Amino acid sequence: MLSRPMLTVHEVADLLKVKETTIRAWIHEQSLRAVKFGRDWRVAQKDLEAFVNERANRPPERPES
């Protein structure tokens, strides 16, 4: 089952500081993975993290071992 609750379009927009219409556009163009429940879209936190990481200007730093 889900380990973390899924985020609404409103919550994702608030986190990324963009408009909800931008989030819906990313979902529509399949840039951001989302699941539709009735009329509403939900985004898993891991999918949001992947979306952001794909757009980063450099790879994440690796912790020293």
N, C-alpha and C. Protein backbone atom coordinates (compact mmCIF):
# COMPACT_ATOMS: atom_id res chain seq x y z
N MET A 1 0.83 -1.18 0.00
CA MET A 1 0.00 0.00 0.00
C MET A 1 0.87 1.24 0.00
N LEU A 2 0.26 2.37 -0.01
CA LEU A 2 1.01 3.63 -0.06
C LEU A 2 1.68 3.90 1.27
N SER A 3 2.96 4.22 1.20
CA SER A 3 3.68 4.52 2.43
C SER A 3 3.51 6.00 2.83
N ARG A 4 3.25 6.86 1.84
CA ARG A 4 3.04 8.29 2.11
C ARG A 4 1.78 8.73 1.37
N PRO A 5 1.07 9.71 1.93
CA PRO A 5 -0.12 10.18 1.23
C PRO A 5 0.25 10.87 -0.08
N MET A 6 -0.67 10.81 -1.03
CA MET A 6 -0.43 11.46 -2.31
C MET A 6 -0.81 12.93 -2.20
N LEU A 7 -0.18 13.75 -3.02
CA LEU A 7 -0.38 15.20 -2.98
C LEU A 7 -1.42 15.64 -4.00
N THR A 8 -2.20 16.65 -3.66
CA THR A 8 -3.15 17.22 -4.61
C THR A 8 -2.41 18.19 -5.53
N VAL A 9 -3.07 18.59 -6.60
CA VAL A 9 -2.50 19.58 -7.52
C VAL A 9 -2.21 20.87 -6.75
N HIS A 10 -3.11 21.24 -5.88
CA HIS A 10 -2.92 22.46 -5.08
C HIS A 10 -1.67 22.35 -4.20
N GLU A 11 -1.50 21.22 -3.55
CA GLU A 11 -0.33 21.02 -2.68
C GLU A 11 0.97 21.05 -3.47
N VAL A 12 0.98 20.40 -4.64
CA VAL A 12 2.19 20.40 -5.47
C VAL A 12 2.52 21.82 -5.93
N ALA A 13 1.50 22.55 -6.37
CA ALA A 13 1.71 23.93 -6.81
C ALA A 13 2.26 24.78 -5.67
N ASP A 14 1.74 24.59 -4.48
CA ASP A 14 2.20 25.34 -3.32
C ASP A 14 3.66 25.00 -3.00
N LEU A 15 4.01 23.72 -3.06
CA LEU A 15 5.39 23.31 -2.78
C LEU A 15 6.39 23.89 -3.78
N LEU A 16 6.00 23.89 -5.06
CA LEU A 16 6.91 24.35 -6.12
C LEU A 16 6.79 25.84 -6.40
N LYS A 17 5.84 26.50 -5.75
CA LYS A 17 5.61 27.94 -5.94
C LYS A 17 5.30 28.28 -7.40
N VAL A 18 4.40 27.49 -7.98
CA VAL A 18 3.90 27.74 -9.32
C VAL A 18 2.37 27.66 -9.27
N LYS A 19 1.72 28.05 -10.37
CA LYS A 19 0.26 28.01 -10.42
C LYS A 19 -0.24 26.59 -10.65
N GLU A 20 -1.46 26.34 -10.19
CA GLU A 20 -2.08 25.04 -10.39
C GLU A 20 -2.22 24.72 -11.88
N THR A 21 -2.44 25.72 -12.70
CA THR A 21 -2.56 25.48 -14.14
C THR A 21 -1.25 24.96 -14.73
N THR A 22 -0.13 25.36 -14.16
CA THR A 22 1.17 24.86 -14.60
C THR A 22 1.30 23.38 -14.26
N ILE A 23 0.89 23.01 -13.06
CA ILE A 23 0.93 21.60 -12.64
C ILE A 23 0.04 20.77 -13.55
N ARG A 24 -1.17 21.26 -13.81
CA ARG A 24 -2.09 20.53 -14.69
C ARG A 24 -1.53 20.39 -16.10
N ALA A 25 -0.84 21.40 -16.59
CA ALA A 25 -0.21 21.34 -17.92
C ALA A 25 0.89 20.27 -17.93
N TRP A 26 1.71 20.23 -16.88
CA TRP A 26 2.77 19.21 -16.80
C TRP A 26 2.16 17.81 -16.77
N ILE A 27 1.05 17.65 -16.06
CA ILE A 27 0.37 16.36 -16.02
C ILE A 27 -0.18 16.02 -17.40
N HIS A 28 -0.83 16.98 -18.04
CA HIS A 28 -1.43 16.76 -19.35
C HIS A 28 -0.38 16.37 -20.40
N GLU A 29 0.78 17.03 -20.37
CA GLU A 29 1.84 16.70 -21.34
C GLU A 29 2.68 15.52 -20.90
N GLN A 30 2.29 14.89 -19.81
CA GLN A 30 2.92 13.70 -19.24
C GLN A 30 4.37 13.92 -18.80
N SER A 31 4.69 15.14 -18.42
CA SER A 31 5.99 15.44 -17.83
C SER A 31 6.00 15.04 -16.36
N LEU A 32 4.87 15.24 -15.71
CA LEU A 32 4.72 14.91 -14.29
C LEU A 32 3.73 13.75 -14.17
N ARG A 33 4.19 12.66 -13.58
CA ARG A 33 3.35 11.47 -13.42
C ARG A 33 2.30 11.73 -12.35
N ALA A 34 1.05 11.38 -12.66
CA ALA A 34 -0.05 11.59 -11.72
C ALA A 34 -1.10 10.51 -11.92
N VAL A 35 -1.96 10.37 -10.91
CA VAL A 35 -3.05 9.40 -10.95
C VAL A 35 -4.36 10.17 -10.81
N LYS A 36 -5.33 9.81 -11.64
CA LYS A 36 -6.62 10.49 -11.59
C LYS A 36 -7.60 9.70 -10.74
N PHE A 37 -8.19 10.39 -9.76
CA PHE A 37 -9.22 9.83 -8.90
C PHE A 37 -10.48 10.66 -9.14
N GLY A 38 -11.41 10.13 -9.91
CA GLY A 38 -12.60 10.90 -10.25
C GLY A 38 -12.21 12.08 -11.11
N ARG A 39 -12.47 13.28 -10.62
CA ARG A 39 -12.11 14.49 -11.37
C ARG A 39 -10.79 15.09 -10.91
N ASP A 40 -10.20 14.54 -9.88
CA ASP A 40 -9.00 15.11 -9.27
C ASP A 40 -7.75 14.30 -9.59
N TRP A 41 -6.63 14.99 -9.69
CA TRP A 41 -5.33 14.36 -9.89
C TRP A 41 -4.58 14.31 -8.58
N ARG A 42 -3.78 13.24 -8.39
CA ARG A 42 -2.91 13.11 -7.22
C ARG A 42 -1.52 12.75 -7.71
N VAL A 43 -0.52 13.27 -7.01
CA VAL A 43 0.88 13.04 -7.37
C VAL A 43 1.57 12.39 -6.18
N ALA A 44 2.24 11.27 -6.42
CA ALA A 44 3.01 10.61 -5.36
C ALA A 44 4.26 11.44 -5.08
N GLN A 45 4.66 11.49 -3.83
CA GLN A 45 5.83 12.27 -3.46
C GLN A 45 7.08 11.82 -4.20
N LYS A 46 7.22 10.50 -4.41
CA LYS A 46 8.41 9.99 -5.12
C LYS A 46 8.40 10.45 -6.58
N ASP A 47 7.20 10.56 -7.18
CA ASP A 47 7.12 11.04 -8.57
C ASP A 47 7.45 12.53 -8.64
N LEU A 48 7.03 13.29 -7.65
CA LEU A 48 7.38 14.71 -7.61
C LEU A 48 8.88 14.90 -7.44
N GLU A 49 9.48 14.10 -6.56
CA GLU A 49 10.93 14.18 -6.36
C GLU A 49 11.67 13.81 -7.63
N ALA A 50 11.23 12.79 -8.34
CA ALA A 50 11.86 12.39 -9.60
C ALA A 50 11.72 13.50 -10.64
N PHE A 51 10.55 14.12 -10.71
CA PHE A 51 10.30 15.21 -11.64
C PHE A 51 11.27 16.37 -11.39
N VAL A 52 11.44 16.74 -10.13
CA VAL A 52 12.34 17.84 -9.78
C VAL A 52 13.79 17.45 -10.07
N ASN A 53 14.19 16.24 -9.71
CA ASN A 53 15.57 15.80 -9.94
C ASN A 53 15.93 15.73 -11.42
N GLU A 54 14.96 15.37 -12.27
CA GLU A 54 15.21 15.32 -13.71
C GLU A 54 15.50 16.70 -14.28
N ARG A 55 15.03 17.74 -13.61
CA ARG A 55 15.19 19.10 -14.12
C ARG A 55 16.32 19.86 -13.44
N ALA A 56 17.03 19.21 -12.55
CA ALA A 56 18.15 19.86 -11.86
C ALA A 56 19.29 20.10 -12.84
N ASN A 57 20.06 21.16 -12.59
CA ASN A 57 21.15 21.50 -13.50
C ASN A 57 22.40 20.66 -13.28
N ARG A 58 22.41 19.85 -12.23
CA ARG A 58 23.52 18.92 -12.00
C ARG A 58 23.01 17.77 -11.13
N PRO A 59 23.68 16.64 -11.17
CA PRO A 59 23.23 15.50 -10.36
C PRO A 59 23.37 15.80 -8.88
N PRO A 60 22.60 15.10 -8.05
CA PRO A 60 22.70 15.30 -6.60
C PRO A 60 24.07 14.88 -6.09
N GLU A 61 24.51 15.55 -5.06
CA GLU A 61 25.80 15.21 -4.46
C GLU A 61 25.70 13.88 -3.74
N ARG A 62 26.75 13.10 -3.86
CA ARG A 62 26.79 11.80 -3.18
C ARG A 62 27.41 11.97 -1.82
N PRO A 63 26.82 11.36 -0.80
CA PRO A 63 27.44 11.44 0.53
C PRO A 63 28.76 10.69 0.55
N GLU A 64 29.69 11.23 1.29
CA GLU A 64 31.01 10.57 1.39
C GLU A 64 30.89 9.32 2.22
N SER A 65 31.53 8.25 1.78
CA SER A 65 31.46 6.97 2.51
C SER A 65 32.75 6.69 3.21
